[in-house]
Amino acid sequence: MSRPVPRRAMILAAGLATRMRPLTDTTAKPLLAVAGRSLLDRALDHLAAVGVERVVVNTHWQAEAVRAALAVRDRPETIESHEETLLDTGGAVVKALPHLGDEPFYVVNGDAFWLDGARPALLRLAEAFDPAATDAVLLVHRAAQLPSYSGRGDFAVDPLGRVRRPKEKEIVPYLYAGVQIAAPALFAGAPDGPFSTNLLWDRAIAADRLRAVVHDGIWLHLSTPEDLAEAEEMLRGRASVFAYAR
């Protein structure tokens, strides 16, 4: 069943990224480059490629540099949502809701890096989003495909895309890949001030209104300078990383 692709989105670009120091001592993490292009530009390229017209970008650390990077973009249209005090992932979206409209929208972490599989991941999320049954659909990635990852995982996902958290001492197969499609209803009754979107996901899980799509392309976990160096090495010579429109 064909479903509409959101025309609005938000990129979360305000965090301090302390684990990426010293690279982020003077640079916002979304402005770090992978294979010659910043993470922020890559996220915007993905969104533009599926027809997203307006993107809200929250700023805090190195806000002027992020603002300057947005100013040279032709598309999509970008709107800054500046945070004097960091609002965390959930609070940031709540602050930006007036710019995001009444329809479902994408939310992309500013440090998310992915290469699409057979179909763009953003289109697969839109196809999986059923407004009658879901408040959000998350892009997840198989932890087993990341040799350096040693955590317990974020979610288990059944064949129908239903999501649950790990039980005590359980290891689950999937990590959140930093990309989701969400309805404004996900944020109804959200708390004031800073809070994590995890709070709303747990509420949606309890109501059986959270789903996930397993990514079928490449996804990189970029948390430390070592992760960034490994990503550069892995992507060296891979022409597809340069394939997005400017």
Protein backbone atom coordinates (compact mmCIF):
# COMPACT_ATOMS: atom_id res chain seq x y z
CA MET A 1 0.00 0.00 0.00
CA SER A 2 1.42 3.36 -1.02
CA ARG A 3 1.57 5.99 1.73
CA PRO A 4 2.49 9.66 1.48
CA VAL A 5 6.08 10.69 2.10
CA PRO A 6 6.44 13.43 4.74
CA ARG A 7 7.33 16.87 3.44
CA ARG A 8 8.77 18.08 6.74
CA ALA A 9 11.53 16.83 8.99
CA MET A 10 13.76 17.67 11.92
CA ILE A 11 17.49 17.11 12.33
CA LEU A 12 18.81 16.97 15.90
CA ALA A 13 22.09 18.88 15.74
CA ALA A 14 22.42 20.57 19.12
CA GLY A 15 24.25 18.02 21.27
CA LEU A 16 27.71 18.40 22.78
CA ALA A 17 28.98 14.98 21.56
CA THR A 18 31.44 14.63 24.43
CA ARG A 19 32.51 11.09 23.41
CA MET A 20 33.75 12.49 20.08
CA ARG A 21 36.22 14.85 21.79
CA PRO A 22 38.70 16.28 20.97
CA LEU A 23 37.16 16.55 17.48
CA THR A 24 34.06 18.24 18.91
CA ASP A 25 35.93 20.66 21.16
CA THR A 26 35.62 23.23 18.38
CA THR A 27 33.27 21.56 15.87
CA ALA A 28 29.64 20.52 16.18
CA LYS A 29 29.42 16.77 15.59
CA PRO A 30 27.02 17.09 12.60
CA LEU A 31 29.68 19.19 10.85
CA LEU A 32 32.28 16.43 11.02
CA ALA A 33 32.98 15.01 7.58
CA VAL A 34 32.76 11.41 6.43
CA ALA A 35 34.19 10.68 2.98
CA GLY A 36 34.45 14.38 2.25
CA ARG A 37 30.94 15.49 3.18
CA SER A 38 29.54 16.57 6.55
CA LEU A 39 27.07 14.40 8.44
CA LEU A 40 24.64 17.32 8.38
CA ASP A 41 24.83 17.68 4.61
CA ARG A 42 24.43 13.94 4.15
CA ALA A 43 21.26 13.92 6.27
CA LEU A 44 19.88 16.88 4.34
CA ASP A 45 20.78 15.16 1.05
CA HIS A 46 18.80 12.07 2.06
CA LEU A 47 15.79 14.18 2.99
CA ALA A 48 15.91 16.27 -0.18
CA ALA A 49 16.18 13.14 -2.32
CA VAL A 50 12.75 11.87 -1.17
CA GLY A 51 11.04 15.24 -1.55
CA VAL A 52 11.21 16.73 1.94
CA GLU A 53 10.68 20.47 1.57
CA ARG A 54 11.25 21.91 5.05
CA VAL A 55 13.71 20.81 7.73
CA VAL A 56 13.98 22.21 11.25
CA VAL A 57 17.52 21.99 12.64
CA ASN A 58 18.06 22.56 16.34
CA THR A 59 21.27 24.27 17.41
CA HIS A 60 23.21 24.91 20.60
CA TRP A 61 26.91 23.97 20.52
CA GLN A 62 28.74 25.82 17.72
CA ALA A 63 25.41 27.25 16.58
CA GLU A 64 26.97 29.90 14.35
CA ALA A 65 28.91 27.29 12.38
CA VAL A 66 25.81 25.12 11.94
CA ARG A 67 23.88 28.21 10.85
CA ALA A 68 26.55 29.04 8.28
CA ALA A 69 26.47 25.48 6.90
CA LEU A 70 22.71 25.69 6.47
CA ALA A 71 22.92 29.07 4.76
CA VAL A 72 24.72 27.66 1.71
CA ARG A 73 22.11 24.95 1.07
CA ASP A 74 19.68 25.37 -1.83
CA ARG A 75 17.30 22.66 -0.66
CA PRO A 76 15.51 21.69 1.38
CA GLU A 77 14.38 24.86 3.14
CA THR A 78 15.89 24.93 6.63
CA ILE A 79 14.66 26.61 9.80
CA GLU A 80 16.82 26.95 12.89
CA SER A 81 15.44 26.10 16.32
CA HIS A 82 18.03 27.49 18.73
CA GLU A 83 18.24 26.11 22.26
CA GLU A 84 19.86 28.24 24.96
CA THR A 85 19.51 25.21 27.22
CA LEU A 86 19.72 21.74 25.73
CA LEU A 87 16.29 20.11 25.55
CA ASP A 88 17.35 16.51 24.78
CA THR A 89 15.77 14.65 21.88
CA GLY A 90 12.15 14.81 22.97
CA GLY A 91 12.15 18.36 24.25
CA ALA A 92 13.84 19.55 21.06
CA VAL A 93 11.07 18.14 18.87
CA VAL A 94 8.35 19.56 21.12
CA LYS A 95 9.89 23.02 20.77
CA ALA A 96 9.97 22.64 16.98
CA LEU A 97 6.41 21.28 16.57
CA PRO A 98 4.95 24.62 15.38
CA HIS A 99 7.23 24.38 12.31
CA LEU A 100 6.52 20.71 11.63
CA GLY A 101 2.80 20.87 10.90
CA ASP A 102 -0.02 18.43 11.55
CA GLU A 103 1.22 15.52 9.42
CA PRO A 104 3.85 12.86 10.18
CA PHE A 105 7.44 14.05 9.86
CA TYR A 106 10.94 12.59 9.89
CA VAL A 107 13.32 13.02 12.82
CA VAL A 108 16.99 12.37 12.05
CA ASN A 109 19.88 12.40 14.51
CA GLY A 110 22.52 14.87 13.39
CA ASP A 111 25.20 12.18 13.59
CA ALA A 112 23.26 9.47 11.71
CA PHE A 113 25.16 8.02 8.75
CA TRP A 114 23.60 5.50 6.43
CA LEU A 115 23.76 4.31 2.85
CA ASP A 116 20.52 3.06 1.37
CA GLY A 117 19.87 -0.51 0.32
CA ALA A 118 17.55 -1.49 -2.53
CA ARG A 119 15.14 1.35 -1.66
CA PRO A 120 15.77 4.57 0.27
CA ALA A 121 15.35 3.98 4.00
CA LEU A 122 13.21 7.10 4.30
CA LEU A 123 10.73 5.73 1.74
CA ARG A 124 10.62 2.38 3.55
CA LEU A 125 9.75 4.19 6.79
CA ALA A 126 6.95 6.08 5.05
CA GLU A 127 5.57 2.86 3.57
CA ALA A 128 5.53 1.24 7.02
CA PHE A 129 3.80 4.14 8.74
CA ASP A 130 0.07 3.51 9.23
CA PRO A 131 -1.51 6.52 10.94
CA ALA A 132 -4.40 4.38 12.17
CA ALA A 133 -2.09 1.96 13.97
CA THR A 134 1.22 3.71 14.68
CA ASP A 135 2.59 6.84 16.30
CA ALA A 136 6.16 6.26 15.09
CA VAL A 137 8.27 3.93 12.95
CA LEU A 138 11.96 3.59 13.78
CA LEU A 139 14.82 2.61 11.50
CA VAL A 140 16.86 -0.08 13.24
CA HIS A 141 20.04 -1.89 12.31
CA ARG A 142 21.41 -5.33 13.17
CA ALA A 143 23.95 -5.04 15.99
CA ALA A 144 25.71 -8.16 14.68
CA GLN A 145 26.83 -6.18 11.64
CA LEU A 146 28.88 -3.86 13.86
CA PRO A 147 31.93 -5.87 15.02
CA SER A 148 33.01 -3.24 17.56
CA TYR A 149 29.60 -3.05 19.30
CA SER A 150 29.41 -4.88 22.63
CA GLY A 151 26.17 -3.63 24.20
CA ARG A 152 22.82 -5.34 24.81
CA GLY A 153 21.01 -3.74 21.88
CA ASP A 154 18.02 -1.41 21.95
CA PHE A 155 15.05 -3.38 20.63
CA ALA A 156 13.64 -6.70 19.60
CA VAL A 157 11.46 -6.56 16.49
CA ASP A 158 8.95 -9.24 15.45
CA PRO A 159 8.17 -10.18 11.80
CA LEU A 160 5.33 -7.63 11.72
CA GLY A 161 7.60 -4.81 12.88
CA ARG A 162 6.29 -4.68 16.45
CA VAL A 163 8.90 -3.42 18.88
CA ARG A 164 9.77 -4.31 22.46
CA ARG A 165 12.56 -3.45 24.86
CA PRO A 166 15.02 -6.08 26.11
CA LYS A 167 14.06 -8.05 29.19
CA GLU A 168 16.41 -8.19 32.17
CA LYS A 169 19.80 -9.63 31.12
CA GLU A 170 18.50 -10.19 27.57
CA ILE A 171 20.53 -9.24 24.50
CA VAL A 172 18.37 -8.02 21.62
CA PRO A 173 19.41 -7.86 17.96
CA TYR A 174 18.67 -4.30 16.89
CA LEU A 175 20.04 -0.80 17.48
CA TYR A 176 18.15 2.41 16.82
CA ALA A 177 19.72 3.88 13.68
CA GLY A 178 18.92 7.51 14.45
CA VAL A 179 16.08 7.94 11.94
CA GLN A 180 12.33 7.78 12.52
CA ILE A 181 9.01 8.94 11.16
CA ALA A 182 6.68 10.26 13.85
CA ALA A 183 3.17 11.61 14.11
CA PRO A 184 2.52 14.74 16.17
CA ALA A 185 0.37 12.44 18.34
CA LEU A 186 3.55 10.80 19.64
CA PHE A 187 4.32 14.06 21.44
CA ALA A 188 0.82 14.67 22.85
CA GLY A 189 0.99 15.23 26.59
CA ALA A 190 4.80 15.35 26.52
CA PRO A 191 6.52 16.86 29.58
CA ASP A 192 7.88 20.38 29.61
CA GLY A 193 11.60 21.02 29.32
CA PRO A 194 14.34 18.51 28.50
CA PHE A 195 13.41 14.85 28.09
CA SER A 196 14.37 11.88 25.93
CA THR A 197 12.18 10.55 23.13
CA ASN A 198 12.68 7.15 24.78
CA LEU A 199 9.95 8.19 27.22
CA LEU A 200 7.46 8.54 24.37
CA TRP A 201 8.63 5.38 22.61
CA ASP A 202 8.00 3.39 25.79
CA ARG A 203 4.51 4.84 26.00
CA ALA A 204 3.92 3.92 22.35
CA ILE A 205 5.22 0.38 22.93
CA ALA A 206 2.77 -0.02 25.82
CA ALA A 207 -0.06 1.06 23.50
CA ASP A 208 1.21 -1.18 20.64
CA ARG A 209 1.75 1.89 18.46
CA LEU A 210 5.51 1.69 17.80
CA ARG A 211 6.92 -0.17 14.80
CA ALA A 212 10.37 -0.60 13.25
CA VAL A 213 11.92 -1.17 9.84
CA VAL A 214 15.21 -3.09 9.65
CA HIS A 215 17.75 -1.21 7.55
CA ASP A 216 18.96 -3.15 4.52
CA GLY A 217 21.94 -0.96 3.65
CA ILE A 218 25.03 0.28 5.46
CA TRP A 219 24.78 2.08 8.80
CA LEU A 220 27.71 3.31 10.85
CA HIS A 221 27.81 3.88 14.59
CA LEU A 222 29.82 7.10 14.98
CA SER A 223 30.43 7.79 18.63
CA THR A 224 34.20 8.27 19.02
CA PRO A 225 37.11 9.56 16.91
CA GLU A 226 38.11 5.93 16.42
CA ASP A 227 34.67 5.18 14.95
CA LEU A 228 35.11 8.06 12.51
CA ALA A 229 38.55 6.82 11.42
CA GLU A 230 37.18 3.30 10.90
CA ALA A 231 34.31 4.70 8.84
CA GLU A 232 36.69 6.60 6.59
CA GLU A 233 38.73 3.45 6.04
CA MET A 234 35.68 1.32 5.28
CA LEU A 235 34.20 3.83 2.84
CA ARG A 236 37.40 4.63 0.99
CA GLY A 237 36.85 3.99 -2.69
CA ARG A 238 33.11 3.34 -2.35
CA ALA A 239 31.64 5.56 -5.10
CA SER A 240 28.08 5.40 -3.76
CA VAL A 241 28.94 7.63 -0.79
CA PHE A 242 29.25 10.53 -3.22
CA ALA A 243 26.02 9.85 -5.06
CA TYR A 244 23.68 12.32 -3.34
CA ALA A 245 22.59 15.61 -4.90
CA ARG A 246 24.21 18.72 -3.51
